[in-house]
Amino acid sequence: MSTTTDKEGLAVSGVTYQRADADYFDKRKLQRTAGVWGLWGIGVAAVISGDFSGWNYGIGTAGWGGFLVAAAIVVVMYVMMIESISEMASAMPHTGGAYSFARAAMGPWGGFVTGLAETIEYVMTTAVVIFFSSQYADAIVAQLTGFSLIDQGLAWVWWLVLYAVFVALNTAGASVSFRFAVVVSILSVGILLVFAVLALASGHADFGSLWNIAPADGGSTFLPFGVAPIFFAMPFAMWLFLGIEELPLAAEEAHNPERDIPRAGRGGLLTLVVTGVIVMVLNPAVLGADAAGSSGEPLLDAFAAIIPGNVAAVLSAFALIGLLASVQGIMFAYGRNMYSLSRAGYYPKFLSLTGERQTPYLALAVGAVIGFISLFIVQYGGEAAGSVVLNIAVWGAVLSYLLQMTSFVILRVKSPGAARPHPSPFGVPGAVIAGVIALAIFIGVLLNPDYTAAIYTIVVVYIAALVLFAVFGRKNLVLSPEEEYALSGGLKDGPEHVD
């Protein structure tokens, strides 16, 4: 690594660091407020909406049997990956998360590419959840009053209201965010348990209907569309877990990140496996696999099938809590991701200002504007917004996963002596397995014609972002905690000790 120092700053690997004074960081402070339960809550909240909408399209893609295989593969990936990420998070307890890991392993350019992938993942995932939340909310209102904003072509009103409410909530303070996340996560899990009890006790769960999709040519009852669609169904299986990897982004707001992030990651993933099994088995058992695979509100439809009338609408209103929980959790993630990249100078520095409540209010607002505009363009440009934006979110996620697992392997080789308070029990083989599965999903996304619009969109975003970084960003980086750690070679001694 080539390093030069002068009174203007520090030049390393083709980038230049500017020296920020104490006032710069005083305006960019976060507050430590979260224990293990708060972290569990923010992690589960970020994901739980996947149990309410989105996952079920995997059944329409591969049949119930194919989706079951896809989900099993995805669970293996997340188990291996969460342990690998927990190891890196315990060694690098900074808000940067994926960007921080890749920066330490692959330099500034690797950190930027990985951080941008995670920004795309979380901003677009928030938009997807906003979209599905508006569908649920509108269906409930229509069932109770007969009036629908969506039928009037005013879906954007729901989006605007939901973004405004949750930007305000996330701006109110980290302690408010974590408490809210714990409450709505518990309520969401409770709603899914109530659904499980009602589905089984009512007799509406017909497990034979899991196989009611007619096999295509060459298909079978278990795999009605054959083997290949399993790969195309894996992105939808990811929807049951996508977001749990965000926990390292709360590192600077956790009381004991080295201990509590790994514990919350394991507990959160276990929770999501249980809730995922509930909806994967019982929701299509109530509706039938064929109907479940194309439903925009599968849990709402299942509640209506079990308890017809306005009582179902009231229960479904509680189901909406799960979707709103994820708006909260994923918005928290994109806010901290953009904050960390901005604090280090990769994004415009104003995005990392935190204000009196010590929350990145400008990053939260800008991410909301980007998400809203994305939904508006897709929805009113002739496509179904939910599926297209979901595809963009999944593509960003699997790219981020692949780069993080690559970073894990590099750091194990590059910095064997770095402090690792929580070593992954799966080690390098676990990271390789998770990375290979992520690569398979990545390739599946590239090969699936339904993802073409998403791929073109992300390629354009990446080209524009890399050009801007090459021209402006790389000359104005800041020695943030993530950069200090990377430049010290993992010894946490600061850049002045770099050879």
Protein backbone atom coordinates (compact mmCIF):
# COMPACT_ATOMS: atom_id res chain seq x y z
CA MET A 1 0.00 0.00 0.00
CA SER A 2 1.44 3.35 -1.08
CA THR A 3 1.07 6.06 1.59
CA THR A 4 2.23 9.68 1.58
CA THR A 5 1.62 12.34 4.19
CA ASP A 6 1.78 16.12 4.01
CA LYS A 7 0.24 19.08 5.76
CA GLU A 8 -2.75 18.93 3.41
CA GLY A 9 -3.69 15.36 4.20
CA LEU A 10 -2.89 11.71 3.64
CA ALA A 11 -2.72 9.99 0.24
CA VAL A 12 -3.33 6.23 0.17
CA SER A 13 -4.08 3.85 -2.73
CA GLY A 14 -5.20 6.58 -5.11
CA VAL A 15 -7.37 8.47 -2.61
CA THR A 16 -6.66 11.50 -0.44
CA TYR A 17 -7.77 12.00 3.16
CA GLN A 18 -8.51 15.43 4.52
CA ARG A 19 -7.85 16.04 8.20
CA ALA A 20 -11.11 16.86 10.00
CA ASP A 21 -11.11 18.79 13.26
CA ALA A 22 -13.00 17.86 16.42
CA ASP A 23 -15.95 20.04 15.41
CA TYR A 24 -16.51 17.86 12.32
CA PHE A 25 -17.10 14.75 14.44
CA ASP A 26 -19.00 16.68 17.15
CA LYS A 27 -21.65 17.40 14.52
CA ARG A 28 -21.78 13.70 13.59
CA LYS A 29 -22.32 11.93 16.89
CA LEU A 30 -24.44 8.87 17.57
CA GLN A 31 -25.74 7.84 20.99
CA ARG A 32 -25.24 4.44 22.63
CA THR A 33 -28.71 3.31 23.68
CA ALA A 34 -29.17 -0.32 22.54
CA GLY A 35 -28.73 -3.57 24.42
CA VAL A 36 -29.14 -7.05 22.99
CA TRP A 37 -32.96 -6.81 22.95
CA GLY A 38 -32.90 -3.48 21.13
CA LEU A 39 -30.58 -4.97 18.53
CA TRP A 40 -32.77 -8.07 18.24
CA GLY A 41 -35.78 -5.80 17.75
CA ILE A 42 -34.21 -3.65 15.04
CA GLY A 43 -32.96 -6.76 13.21
CA VAL A 44 -36.27 -8.64 13.31
CA ALA A 45 -38.25 -5.49 12.54
CA ALA A 46 -36.17 -4.94 9.41
CA VAL A 47 -37.10 -8.38 8.05
CA ILE A 48 -40.51 -9.34 9.43
CA SER A 49 -42.47 -7.75 6.58
CA GLY A 50 -41.06 -10.49 4.37
CA ASP A 51 -43.44 -12.87 6.14
CA PHE A 52 -46.41 -10.74 5.10
CA SER A 53 -45.73 -10.04 1.40
CA GLY A 54 -43.23 -10.74 -1.34
CA TRP A 55 -41.91 -14.17 -0.36
CA ASN A 56 -44.92 -15.93 -1.87
CA TYR A 57 -43.97 -15.04 -5.44
CA GLY A 58 -41.33 -17.76 -5.09
CA ILE A 59 -44.15 -20.32 -5.06
CA GLY A 60 -45.48 -18.93 -8.33
CA THR A 61 -41.95 -19.16 -9.73
CA ALA A 62 -40.94 -22.68 -8.66
CA GLY A 63 -43.99 -24.31 -7.07
CA TRP A 64 -44.19 -25.07 -3.37
CA GLY A 65 -41.62 -27.86 -3.52
CA GLY A 66 -39.18 -25.76 -5.52
CA PHE A 67 -39.61 -22.87 -3.13
CA LEU A 68 -39.00 -25.18 -0.17
CA VAL A 69 -35.65 -26.23 -1.67
CA ALA A 70 -34.79 -22.59 -2.45
CA ALA A 71 -35.61 -21.55 1.13
CA ALA A 72 -33.47 -24.35 2.60
CA ILE A 73 -30.48 -23.21 0.53
CA VAL A 74 -31.04 -19.60 1.54
CA VAL A 75 -31.20 -20.54 5.24
CA VAL A 76 -27.80 -22.20 4.93
CA MET A 77 -26.44 -19.02 3.35
CA TYR A 78 -27.79 -16.79 6.10
CA VAL A 79 -26.59 -19.02 8.95
CA MET A 80 -23.05 -19.06 7.55
CA MET A 81 -23.13 -15.41 6.60
CA ILE A 82 -24.46 -14.05 9.89
CA GLU A 83 -21.67 -15.78 11.80
CA SER A 84 -19.07 -14.39 9.38
CA ILE A 85 -20.54 -10.90 9.62
CA SER A 86 -20.69 -11.15 13.42
CA GLU A 87 -16.98 -11.96 13.50
CA MET A 88 -16.14 -8.90 11.41
CA ALA A 89 -18.54 -6.69 13.37
CA SER A 90 -16.97 -7.69 16.68
CA ALA A 91 -13.53 -6.88 15.27
CA MET A 92 -14.70 -3.60 13.68
CA PRO A 93 -17.46 -2.16 15.89
CA HIS A 94 -18.12 0.83 13.64
CA THR A 95 -21.35 2.00 12.04
CA GLY A 96 -19.99 1.27 8.54
CA GLY A 97 -21.00 -2.39 8.49
CA ALA A 98 -20.44 -3.91 5.03
CA TYR A 99 -18.56 -0.85 3.83
CA SER A 100 -16.25 -1.05 6.84
CA PHE A 101 -15.47 -4.74 6.28
CA ALA A 102 -14.75 -4.30 2.58
CA ARG A 103 -12.72 -1.13 3.19
CA ALA A 104 -10.42 -3.01 5.56
CA ALA A 105 -10.12 -5.95 3.15
CA MET A 106 -10.13 -4.40 -0.30
CA GLY A 107 -9.23 -0.75 0.09
CA PRO A 108 -11.24 2.44 -0.53
CA TRP A 109 -12.64 1.37 -3.90
CA GLY A 110 -13.78 -1.98 -2.53
CA GLY A 111 -15.35 -0.22 0.44
CA PHE A 112 -17.20 2.21 -1.80
CA VAL A 113 -18.53 -0.48 -4.18
CA THR A 114 -19.72 -2.60 -1.24
CA GLY A 115 -21.20 0.33 0.65
CA LEU A 116 -23.09 1.46 -2.45
CA ALA A 117 -24.51 -2.04 -2.92
CA GLU A 118 -25.79 -1.93 0.66
CA THR A 119 -27.27 1.54 0.11
CA ILE A 120 -29.16 0.24 -2.92
CA GLU A 121 -30.31 -2.79 -0.94
CA TYR A 122 -31.71 -0.84 2.01
CA VAL A 123 -33.14 2.18 0.19
CA MET A 124 -34.92 -0.05 -2.32
CA THR A 125 -36.02 -2.55 0.34
CA THR A 126 -37.62 0.32 2.25
CA ALA A 127 -39.41 1.33 -0.95
CA VAL A 128 -40.66 -2.24 -1.48
CA VAL A 129 -42.01 -2.42 2.07
CA ILE A 130 -43.65 0.99 1.66
CA PHE A 131 -45.29 -0.34 -1.52
CA PHE A 132 -46.60 -3.51 0.13
CA SER A 133 -47.68 -1.58 3.24
CA SER A 134 -49.72 0.78 1.08
CA GLN A 135 -51.40 -2.19 -0.61
CA TYR A 136 -52.28 -3.75 2.74
CA ALA A 137 -53.49 -0.46 4.20
CA ASP A 138 -55.55 0.34 1.11
CA ALA A 139 -57.11 -3.14 1.05
CA ILE A 140 -58.11 -2.81 4.70
CA VAL A 141 -59.62 0.65 4.18
CA ALA A 142 -61.45 -0.54 1.06
CA GLN A 143 -62.84 -3.55 2.93
CA LEU A 144 -64.12 -1.35 5.76
CA THR A 145 -65.28 1.73 3.79
CA GLY A 146 -65.45 0.73 0.13
CA PHE A 147 -63.02 3.53 -0.83
CA SER A 148 -59.59 2.88 -2.35
CA LEU A 149 -56.85 5.44 -3.02
CA ILE A 150 -55.07 2.93 -5.24
CA ASP A 151 -58.16 2.47 -7.42
CA GLN A 152 -58.22 6.25 -7.83
CA GLY A 153 -54.61 6.21 -9.06
CA LEU A 154 -53.40 7.84 -5.84
CA ALA A 155 -51.11 5.13 -4.45
CA TRP A 156 -48.43 7.80 -4.08
CA VAL A 157 -50.45 9.41 -1.27
CA TRP A 158 -49.95 6.29 0.85
CA TRP A 159 -46.23 6.30 0.03
CA LEU A 160 -45.86 9.96 0.97
CA VAL A 161 -47.65 9.54 4.29
CA LEU A 162 -45.71 6.41 5.25
CA TYR A 163 -42.34 7.91 4.36
CA ALA A 164 -43.12 11.10 6.28
CA VAL A 165 -44.24 9.24 9.41
CA PHE A 166 -41.25 6.93 9.56
CA VAL A 167 -38.63 9.54 8.72
CA ALA A 168 -40.03 11.52 11.65
CA LEU A 169 -39.96 8.43 13.89
CA ASN A 170 -36.36 7.55 12.98
CA THR A 171 -35.30 11.16 13.45
CA ALA A 172 -36.82 11.33 16.94
CA GLY A 173 -33.82 9.57 18.50
CA ALA A 174 -32.10 6.19 18.61
CA SER A 175 -33.74 5.21 21.90
CA VAL A 176 -37.17 5.79 20.34
CA SER A 177 -36.20 3.74 17.28
CA PHE A 178 -34.97 0.77 19.30
CA ARG A 179 -37.95 0.76 21.69
CA PHE A 180 -40.40 0.98 18.81
CA ALA A 181 -38.58 -1.83 17.00
CA VAL A 182 -38.80 -4.15 20.00
CA VAL A 183 -42.52 -3.50 20.48
CA VAL A 184 -43.51 -3.94 16.83
CA SER A 185 -41.27 -7.00 16.43
CA ILE A 186 -42.95 -8.72 19.37
CA LEU A 187 -46.39 -7.74 18.05
CA SER A 188 -45.53 -8.97 14.56
CA VAL A 189 -44.30 -12.34 15.80
CA GLY A 190 -47.44 -12.55 17.94
CA ILE A 191 -49.67 -11.88 14.91
CA LEU A 192 -47.99 -14.70 12.99
CA LEU A 193 -48.45 -17.05 15.94
CA VAL A 194 -52.14 -16.10 16.13
CA PHE A 195 -52.45 -16.81 12.42
CA ALA A 196 -50.83 -20.22 12.93
CA VAL A 197 -53.28 -21.10 15.70
CA LEU A 198 -56.30 -19.90 13.69
CA ALA A 199 -55.18 -21.73 10.55
CA LEU A 200 -54.76 -25.02 12.40
CA ALA A 201 -57.74 -24.72 14.75
CA SER A 202 -60.20 -23.60 12.06
CA GLY A 203 -59.55 -26.57 9.82
CA HIS A 204 -58.86 -24.29 6.84
CA ALA A 205 -55.29 -25.52 6.48
CA ASP A 206 -55.34 -28.16 3.74
CA PHE A 207 -51.79 -29.44 3.31
CA GLY A 208 -52.78 -31.26 0.15
CA SER A 209 -53.31 -27.87 -1.49
CA LEU A 210 -49.57 -27.22 -1.26
CA TRP A 211 -49.33 -29.33 -4.41
CA ASN A 212 -52.24 -27.88 -6.40
CA ILE A 213 -50.10 -26.25 -9.11
CA ALA A 214 -50.46 -28.27 -12.28
CA PRO A 215 -47.07 -29.56 -13.48
CA ALA A 216 -45.74 -28.11 -16.73
CA ASP A 217 -44.06 -30.29 -19.34
CA GLY A 218 -41.23 -32.15 -17.64
CA GLY A 219 -42.42 -31.09 -14.19
CA SER A 220 -43.64 -33.12 -11.23
CA THR A 221 -45.97 -32.63 -8.30
CA PHE A 222 -43.03 -31.59 -6.11
CA LEU A 223 -41.30 -29.48 -8.79
CA PRO A 224 -44.09 -28.45 -11.16
CA PHE A 225 -41.78 -26.25 -13.24
CA GLY A 226 -38.65 -28.37 -13.00
CA VAL A 227 -35.31 -27.75 -11.28
CA ALA A 228 -34.08 -24.51 -12.90
CA PRO A 229 -36.76 -22.24 -11.35
CA ILE A 230 -35.35 -23.08 -7.90
CA PHE A 231 -32.57 -20.59 -8.64
CA PHE A 232 -35.09 -17.96 -9.69
CA ALA A 233 -37.08 -18.55 -6.49
CA MET A 234 -34.12 -17.96 -4.16
CA PRO A 235 -34.41 -14.15 -4.26
CA PHE A 236 -37.98 -14.49 -2.97
CA ALA A 237 -36.82 -16.88 -0.25
CA MET A 238 -34.30 -14.21 0.73
CA TRP A 239 -37.24 -11.92 1.44
CA LEU A 240 -37.87 -13.95 4.61
CA PHE A 241 -34.42 -12.98 5.95
CA LEU A 242 -33.15 -9.99 3.99
CA GLY A 243 -32.13 -7.26 6.43
CA ILE A 244 -31.03 -9.28 9.47
CA GLU A 245 -27.44 -8.60 8.36
CA GLU A 246 -27.95 -4.89 9.12
CA LEU A 247 -27.07 -5.24 12.82
CA PRO A 248 -23.42 -4.08 12.46
CA LEU A 249 -24.80 -0.71 11.34
CA ALA A 250 -25.95 -0.18 14.94
CA ALA A 251 -22.45 -0.80 16.35
CA GLU A 252 -21.87 2.77 17.51
CA GLU A 253 -25.31 2.89 19.14
CA ALA A 254 -24.93 -0.42 21.03
CA HIS A 255 -23.66 -0.54 24.61
CA ASN A 256 -21.56 -3.65 23.98
CA PRO A 257 -21.40 -4.28 20.21
CA GLU A 258 -18.67 -6.93 20.40
CA ARG A 259 -20.90 -9.16 22.52
CA ASP A 260 -24.45 -8.11 21.72
CA ILE A 261 -24.40 -7.94 17.89
CA PRO A 262 -23.50 -11.65 17.53
CA ARG A 263 -26.08 -12.64 20.15
CA ALA A 264 -28.81 -10.52 18.56
CA GLY A 265 -27.91 -11.87 15.11
CA ARG A 266 -28.30 -15.48 16.20
CA GLY A 267 -31.50 -14.79 18.13
CA GLY A 268 -32.98 -12.76 15.30
CA LEU A 269 -32.18 -15.38 12.68
CA LEU A 270 -33.73 -18.13 14.81
CA THR A 271 -36.87 -16.03 15.22
CA LEU A 272 -37.09 -15.51 11.47
CA VAL A 273 -36.64 -19.19 10.69
CA VAL A 274 -39.60 -20.00 12.95
CA THR A 275 -41.85 -17.30 11.47
CA GLY A 276 -40.72 -18.22 7.95
CA VAL A 277 -41.77 -21.84 8.46
CA ILE A 278 -45.18 -20.67 9.71
CA VAL A 279 -46.00 -18.62 6.62
CA MET A 280 -44.33 -20.93 4.11
CA VAL A 281 -46.40 -23.89 5.24
CA LEU A 282 -49.66 -22.50 6.60
CA ASN A 283 -50.33 -19.54 4.31
CA PRO A 284 -50.39 -21.64 1.09
CA ALA A 285 -52.11 -24.46 3.00
CA VAL A 286 -55.02 -22.05 3.64
CA LEU A 287 -55.09 -20.39 0.22
CA GLY A 288 -53.67 -23.17 -1.92
CA ALA A 289 -50.22 -22.86 -3.48
CA ASP A 290 -51.58 -21.60 -6.80
CA ALA A 291 -53.47 -18.69 -5.24
CA ALA A 292 -50.77 -17.90 -2.68
CA GLY A 293 -48.12 -17.69 -5.39
CA SER A 294 -49.80 -14.72 -7.07
CA SER A 295 -51.35 -12.90 -4.10
CA GLY A 296 -50.34 -9.32 -3.41
CA GLU A 297 -51.47 -9.61 0.23
CA PRO A 298 -51.16 -13.33 1.09
CA LEU A 299 -51.63 -13.02 4.84
CA LEU A 300 -54.59 -10.67 4.42
CA ASP A 301 -56.18 -13.15 1.99
CA ALA A 302 -55.54 -16.00 4.41
CA PHE A 303 -57.12 -14.14 7.33
CA ALA A 304 -60.14 -13.36 5.12
CA ALA A 305 -60.45 -17.04 4.18
CA ILE A 306 -60.44 -18.09 7.83
CA ILE A 307 -62.62 -15.30 9.24
CA PRO A 308 -64.76 -13.62 6.57
CA GLY A 309 -66.12 -10.11 6.99
CA ASN A 310 -64.93 -7.05 8.87
CA VAL A 311 -63.36 -9.11 11.65
CA ALA A 312 -60.79 -10.29 9.11
CA ALA A 313 -60.14 -6.68 8.14
CA VAL A 314 -59.50 -5.79 11.78
CA LEU A 315 -57.11 -8.74 12.18
CA SER A 316 -55.40 -7.76 8.96
CA ALA A 317 -54.93 -4.26 10.35
CA PHE A 318 -52.83 -5.89 13.03
CA ALA A 319 -50.99 -7.75 10.27
CA LEU A 320 -50.08 -4.36 8.82
CA ILE A 321 -47.94 -3.85 11.93
CA GLY A 322 -45.45 -6.35 10.55
CA LEU A 323 -45.00 -4.33 7.38
CA LEU A 324 -44.67 -1.07 9.28
CA ALA A 325 -42.10 -2.69 11.56
CA SER A 326 -39.90 -3.30 8.54
CA VAL A 327 -40.27 0.26 7.31
CA GLN A 328 -38.82 1.29 10.66
CA GLY A 329 -36.03 -1.28 10.72
CA ILE A 330 -34.84 -0.95 7.12
CA MET A 331 -35.05 2.84 7.19
CA PHE A 332 -32.79 2.75 10.25
CA ALA A 333 -30.33 0.68 8.19
CA TYR A 334 -30.14 2.94 5.16
CA GLY A 335 -29.81 5.97 7.42
CA ARG A 336 -26.76 4.52 9.20
CA ASN A 337 -25.25 3.14 5.99
CA MET A 338 -25.46 6.54 4.27
CA TYR A 339 -24.28 8.25 7.46
CA SER A 340 -21.09 6.18 7.68
CA LEU A 341 -20.21 6.58 4.00
CA SER A 342 -20.91 10.30 4.22
CA ARG A 343 -18.89 10.76 7.43
CA ALA A 344 -15.91 9.20 5.62
CA GLY A 345 -16.44 11.43 2.56
CA TYR A 346 -17.62 8.80 0.05
CA TYR A 347 -21.04 10.48 -0.08
CA PRO A 348 -21.67 14.23 0.34
CA LYS A 349 -20.61 15.11 3.88
CA PHE A 350 -23.83 16.91 4.83
CA LEU A 351 -25.64 13.54 4.87
CA SER A 352 -23.81 12.55 8.08
CA LEU A 353 -24.96 15.53 10.17
CA THR A 354 -26.86 14.26 13.20
CA GLY A 355 -28.29 17.32 14.97
CA GLU A 356 -29.46 17.58 18.56
CA ARG A 357 -31.15 14.16 18.61
CA GLN A 358 -28.00 12.48 17.29
CA THR A 359 -29.71 10.83 14.35
CA PRO A 360 -28.71 11.19 10.67
CA TYR A 361 -31.83 13.12 9.76
CA LEU A 362 -30.62 14.29 6.35
CA ALA A 363 -29.57 10.80 5.27
CA LEU A 364 -32.99 9.51 6.32
CA ALA A 365 -34.78 12.24 4.35
CA VAL A 366 -32.66 11.87 1.21
CA GLY A 367 -33.10 8.07 1.20
CA ALA A 368 -36.85 8.57 1.48
CA VAL A 369 -36.89 10.96 -1.47
CA ILE A 370 -34.90 8.49 -3.61
CA GLY A 371 -37.23 5.64 -2.65
CA PHE A 372 -40.37 7.68 -3.32
CA ILE A 373 -39.15 8.81 -6.73
CA SER A 374 -38.19 5.22 -7.62
CA LEU A 375 -41.65 3.94 -6.75
CA PHE A 376 -43.32 6.78 -8.64
CA ILE A 377 -41.30 6.23 -11.81
CA VAL A 378 -41.83 2.46 -11.84
CA GLN A 379 -45.51 2.53 -10.86
CA TYR A 380 -46.55 5.23 -13.28
CA GLY A 381 -44.11 4.27 -15.99
CA GLY A 382 -46.03 1.11 -16.88
CA GLU A 383 -44.59 -1.55 -14.56
CA ALA A 384 -45.71 -3.08 -11.26
CA ALA A 385 -43.54 -1.20 -8.75
CA GLY A 386 -43.36 -3.90 -6.10
CA SER A 387 -41.68 -6.62 -8.15
CA VAL A 388 -39.26 -4.36 -10.03
CA VAL A 389 -38.04 -2.51 -6.95
CA LEU A 390 -37.84 -5.82 -5.04
CA ASN A 391 -35.56 -7.13 -7.78
CA ILE A 392 -33.32 -4.08 -7.46
CA ALA A 393 -33.18 -4.55 -3.67
CA VAL A 394 -32.28 -8.25 -3.97
CA TRP A 395 -29.56 -7.55 -6.55
CA GLY A 396 -27.98 -4.97 -4.22
CA ALA A 397 -28.24 -7.42 -1.33
CA VAL A 398 -26.59 -10.41 -3.05
CA LEU A 399 -23.78 -8.21 -4.39
CA SER A 400 -23.22 -6.90 -0.87
CA TYR A 401 -23.27 -10.46 0.54
CA LEU A 402 -20.78 -11.71 -2.03
CA LEU A 403 -18.39 -8.83 -1.34
CA GLN A 404 -18.72 -9.23 2.44
CA MET A 405 -17.90 -12.93 2.31
CA THR A 406 -14.94 -12.14 0.04
CA SER A 407 -13.85 -9.55 2.62
CA PHE A 408 -14.09 -12.13 5.40
CA VAL A 409 -11.73 -14.51 3.61
CA ILE A 410 -9.27 -11.72 2.74
CA LEU A 411 -9.22 -10.42 6.32
CA ARG A 412 -8.60 -13.89 7.73
CA VAL A 413 -5.57 -14.18 5.45
CA LYS A 414 -4.46 -10.55 5.52
CA SER A 415 -4.87 -9.83 9.26
CA PRO A 416 -4.62 -13.14 11.15
CA GLY A 417 -3.59 -11.35 14.34
CA ALA A 418 -6.45 -8.86 14.48
CA ALA A 419 -8.64 -9.01 17.58
CA ARG A 420 -11.73 -11.12 16.88
CA PRO A 421 -13.95 -11.23 20.01
CA HIS A 422 -16.50 -13.45 18.22
CA PRO A 423 -14.84 -15.87 15.79
CA SER A 424 -17.23 -17.58 13.40
CA PRO A 425 -17.59 -21.29 14.24
CA PHE A 426 -17.72 -22.00 10.48
CA GLY A 427 -14.51 -20.11 9.69
CA VAL A 428 -13.36 -19.59 6.12
CA PRO A 429 -15.32 -22.61 4.75
CA GLY A 430 -18.56 -21.11 6.07
CA ALA A 431 -17.86 -17.77 4.39
CA VAL A 432 -16.99 -19.57 1.13
CA ILE A 433 -20.23 -21.58 1.23
CA ALA A 434 -22.29 -18.44 1.89
CA GLY A 435 -20.41 -16.59 -0.84
CA VAL A 436 -20.96 -19.37 -3.39
CA ILE A 437 -24.71 -19.39 -2.67
CA ALA A 438 -24.80 -15.60 -2.97
CA LEU A 439 -22.96 -15.89 -6.28
CA ALA A 440 -25.48 -18.48 -7.50
CA ILE A 441 -28.34 -16.12 -6.65
CA PHE A 442 -26.46 -13.26 -8.30
CA ILE A 443 -26.10 -15.28 -11.50
CA GLY A 444 -29.74 -16.35 -11.29
CA VAL A 445 -30.73 -12.69 -11.12
CA LEU A 446 -28.62 -11.92 -14.18
CA LEU A 447 -30.15 -14.80 -16.15
CA ASN A 448 -33.76 -14.11 -15.21
CA PRO A 449 -35.41 -11.89 -17.86
CA ASP A 450 -37.78 -10.53 -15.21
CA TYR A 451 -34.79 -8.78 -13.63
CA THR A 452 -33.56 -7.06 -16.79
CA ALA A 453 -34.96 -3.64 -15.90
CA ALA A 454 -33.47 -3.89 -12.41
CA ILE A 455 -30.03 -4.85 -13.76
CA TYR A 456 -29.93 -1.99 -16.26
CA THR A 457 -31.00 0.44 -13.55
CA ILE A 458 -28.27 -0.65 -11.16
CA VAL A 459 -25.58 -0.63 -13.87
CA VAL A 460 -26.47 3.00 -14.66
CA VAL A 461 -26.40 3.89 -10.94
CA TYR A 462 -23.01 2.24 -10.48
CA ILE A 463 -21.44 3.90 -13.53
CA ALA A 464 -22.64 7.32 -12.40
CA ALA A 465 -21.56 6.74 -8.78
CA LEU A 466 -18.10 5.45 -9.73
CA VAL A 467 -17.50 8.41 -12.06
CA LEU A 468 -18.52 10.86 -9.32
CA PHE A 469 -16.30 9.12 -6.79
CA ALA A 470 -13.34 9.06 -9.19
CA VAL A 471 -13.70 12.75 -10.00
CA PHE A 472 -14.71 14.18 -6.61
CA GLY A 473 -15.12 11.74 -3.73
CA ARG A 474 -11.72 10.04 -3.71
CA LYS A 475 -9.96 13.40 -3.22
CA ASN A 476 -11.97 14.37 -0.15
CA LEU A 477 -12.11 11.38 2.17
CA VAL A 478 -12.03 11.78 5.95
CA LEU A 479 -10.27 9.71 8.60
CA SER A 480 -13.44 8.31 10.15
CA PRO A 481 -13.28 5.31 12.55
CA GLU A 482 -13.72 2.86 9.66
CA GLU A 483 -10.85 4.46 7.74
CA GLU A 484 -8.63 4.62 10.83
CA TYR A 485 -9.10 0.91 11.43
CA ALA A 486 -8.41 -0.01 7.81
CA LEU A 487 -5.29 2.14 7.59
CA SER A 488 -3.89 0.69 10.81
CA GLY A 489 -3.98 -2.79 9.30
CA GLY A 490 -6.49 -4.01 11.86
CA LEU A 491 -4.37 -3.03 14.86
CA LYS A 492 -6.55 -0.01 15.72
CA ASP A 493 -3.44 2.14 16.25
CA GLY A 494 -4.26 4.85 13.69
CA PRO A 495 -2.90 5.72 10.26
CA GLU A 496 0.37 7.14 11.52
CA HIS A 497 1.59 3.59 12.13
CA VAL A 498 1.10 2.46 8.53
CA ASP A 499 4.35 1.48 6.81
